[in-house]
Amino acid sequence: MVAGRINGPVHAAELIELQPKARVQGDVQYRALEMHHGAVVEGLMVHIPAEGRAAPKAASGAPRPESVKAT
């Protein structure tokens, strides 16, 4: 659970919950995400697939995802 500020990457092996005043400056890797209204992420948000489930392959030449900022 994040309710304050984090500067740097975050890796959540299971669930990450971003409270309304959460501010993350860095990439977030997660299996499950709960993001409340008001939380901000300045970086990439990357879903880690559940074990035993293959991750989808990106098409060649696909653009890199832009940073996500949710408010």
C-alpha atoms as a PDB file:
ATOM      1  CA  MET A   1       0.000   0.000   0.000  1.00  0.00           C
ATOM      2  CA  VAL A   2       1.364   3.408  -0.992  1.00  0.00           C
ATOM      3  CA  ALA A   3      -0.033   6.509   0.679  1.00  0.00           C
ATOM      4  CA  GLY A   4       2.930   8.869   0.249  1.00  0.00           C
ATOM      5  CA  ARG A   5       5.721   9.637  -2.210  1.00  0.00           C
ATOM      6  CA  ILE A   6       8.132   7.154  -3.832  1.00  0.00           C
ATOM      7  CA  ASN A   7      10.985   8.289  -6.074  1.00  0.00           C
ATOM      8  CA  GLY A   8      12.237   5.264  -7.996  1.00  0.00           C
ATOM      9  CA  PRO A   9      10.927   2.021  -9.464  1.00  0.00           C
ATOM     10  CA  VAL A  10       8.353  -0.120  -7.628  1.00  0.00           C
ATOM     11  CA  HIS A  11       7.968  -3.890  -8.024  1.00  0.00           C
ATOM     12  CA  ALA A  12       4.921  -5.533  -6.431  1.00  0.00           C
ATOM     13  CA  ALA A  13       5.063  -9.325  -6.542  1.00  0.00           C
ATOM     14  CA  GLU A  14       1.310  -9.495  -5.895  1.00  0.00           C
ATOM     15  CA  LEU A  15      -0.912  -6.459  -5.240  1.00  0.00           C
ATOM     16  CA  ILE A  16      -0.106  -2.773  -5.083  1.00  0.00           C
ATOM     17  CA  GLU A  17      -2.676  -0.334  -3.755  1.00  0.00           C
ATOM     18  CA  LEU A  18      -2.164   3.344  -4.516  1.00  0.00           C
ATOM     19  CA  GLN A  19      -4.071   5.520  -2.060  1.00  0.00           C
ATOM     20  CA  PRO A  20      -5.459   8.935  -3.139  1.00  0.00           C
ATOM     21  CA  LYS A  21      -2.333  10.846  -2.002  1.00  0.00           C
ATOM     22  CA  ALA A  22       0.162   8.360  -3.509  1.00  0.00           C
ATOM     23  CA  ARG A  23       2.823   9.871  -5.797  1.00  0.00           C
ATOM     24  CA  VAL A  24       5.203   7.520  -7.620  1.00  0.00           C
ATOM     25  CA  GLN A  25       8.010   8.887  -9.804  1.00  0.00           C
ATOM     26  CA  GLY A  26       9.281   5.742 -11.466  1.00  0.00           C
ATOM     27  CA  ASP A  27       8.097   2.614 -13.243  1.00  0.00           C
ATOM     28  CA  VAL A  28       5.597   0.336 -11.477  1.00  0.00           C
ATOM     29  CA  GLN A  29       5.548  -3.437 -12.077  1.00  0.00           C
ATOM     30  CA  TYR A  30       2.561  -5.289 -10.611  1.00  0.00           C
ATOM     31  CA  ARG A  31       0.425  -8.443 -10.813  1.00  0.00           C
ATOM     32  CA  ALA A  32      -2.708  -6.736  -9.430  1.00  0.00           C
ATOM     33  CA  LEU A  33      -3.322  -2.996  -9.083  1.00  0.00           C
ATOM     34  CA  GLU A  34      -5.799  -0.934  -7.097  1.00  0.00           C
ATOM     35  CA  MET A  35      -5.445   2.765  -7.868  1.00  0.00           C
ATOM     36  CA  HIS A  36      -7.636   5.277  -6.079  1.00  0.00           C
ATOM     37  CA  HIS A  37      -8.787   8.570  -7.586  1.00  0.00           C
ATOM     38  CA  GLY A  38      -6.067  11.156  -6.993  1.00  0.00           C
ATOM     39  CA  ALA A  39      -3.076   8.794  -7.100  1.00  0.00           C
ATOM     40  CA  VAL A  40      -0.328   9.763  -9.577  1.00  0.00           C
ATOM     41  CA  VAL A  41       2.241   7.583 -11.359  1.00  0.00           C
ATOM     42  CA  GLU A  42       4.924   9.285 -13.452  1.00  0.00           C
ATOM     43  CA  GLY A  43       6.455   6.323 -15.239  1.00  0.00           C
ATOM     44  CA  LEU A  44       5.561   3.105 -17.033  1.00  0.00           C
ATOM     45  CA  MET A  45       2.991   0.765 -15.550  1.00  0.00           C
ATOM     46  CA  VAL A  46       3.877  -2.835 -16.441  1.00  0.00           C
ATOM     47  CA  HIS A  47       1.588  -5.780 -15.696  1.00  0.00           C
ATOM     48  CA  ILE A  48       3.365  -8.979 -14.663  1.00  0.00           C
ATOM     49  CA  PRO A  49       1.286 -11.911 -15.922  1.00  0.00           C
ATOM     50  CA  ALA A  50       0.167 -14.581 -13.461  1.00  0.00           C
ATOM     51  CA  GLU A  51       2.414 -17.613 -13.305  1.00  0.00           C
ATOM     52  CA  GLY A  52       1.599 -20.154 -15.973  1.00  0.00           C
ATOM     53  CA  ARG A  53       0.194 -17.461 -18.258  1.00  0.00           C
ATOM     54  CA  ALA A  54       2.253 -16.257 -21.194  1.00  0.00           C
ATOM     55  CA  ALA A  55       2.796 -12.535 -21.575  1.00  0.00           C
ATOM     56  CA  PRO A  56       1.517 -11.084 -24.854  1.00  0.00           C
ATOM     57  CA  LYS A  57       4.246 -10.341 -27.370  1.00  0.00           C
ATOM     58  CA  ALA A  58       4.570  -6.810 -28.680  1.00  0.00           C
ATOM     59  CA  ALA A  59       4.441  -6.407 -32.436  1.00  0.00           C
ATOM     60  CA  SER A  60       7.815  -5.619 -33.939  1.00  0.00           C
ATOM     61  CA  GLY A  61       8.288  -1.928 -34.449  1.00  0.00           C
ATOM     62  CA  ALA A  62       5.563  -1.149 -31.907  1.00  0.00           C
ATOM     63  CA  PRO A  63       6.138   2.159 -30.173  1.00  0.00           C
ATOM     64  CA  ARG A  64       7.189   2.108 -26.526  1.00  0.00           C
ATOM     65  CA  PRO A  65       4.245   2.887 -24.225  1.00  0.00           C
ATOM     66  CA  GLU A  66       4.119   6.443 -22.985  1.00  0.00           C
ATOM     67  CA  SER A  67       4.275   7.326 -19.325  1.00  0.00           C
ATOM     68  CA  VAL A  68       0.959   7.078 -17.547  1.00  0.00           C
ATOM     69  CA  LYS A  69      -0.286   9.841 -15.297  1.00  0.00           C
ATOM     70  CA  ALA A  70      -3.548   9.143 -13.553  1.00  0.00           C
ATOM     71  CA  THR A  71      -5.248  11.813 -11.518  1.00  0.00           C
END
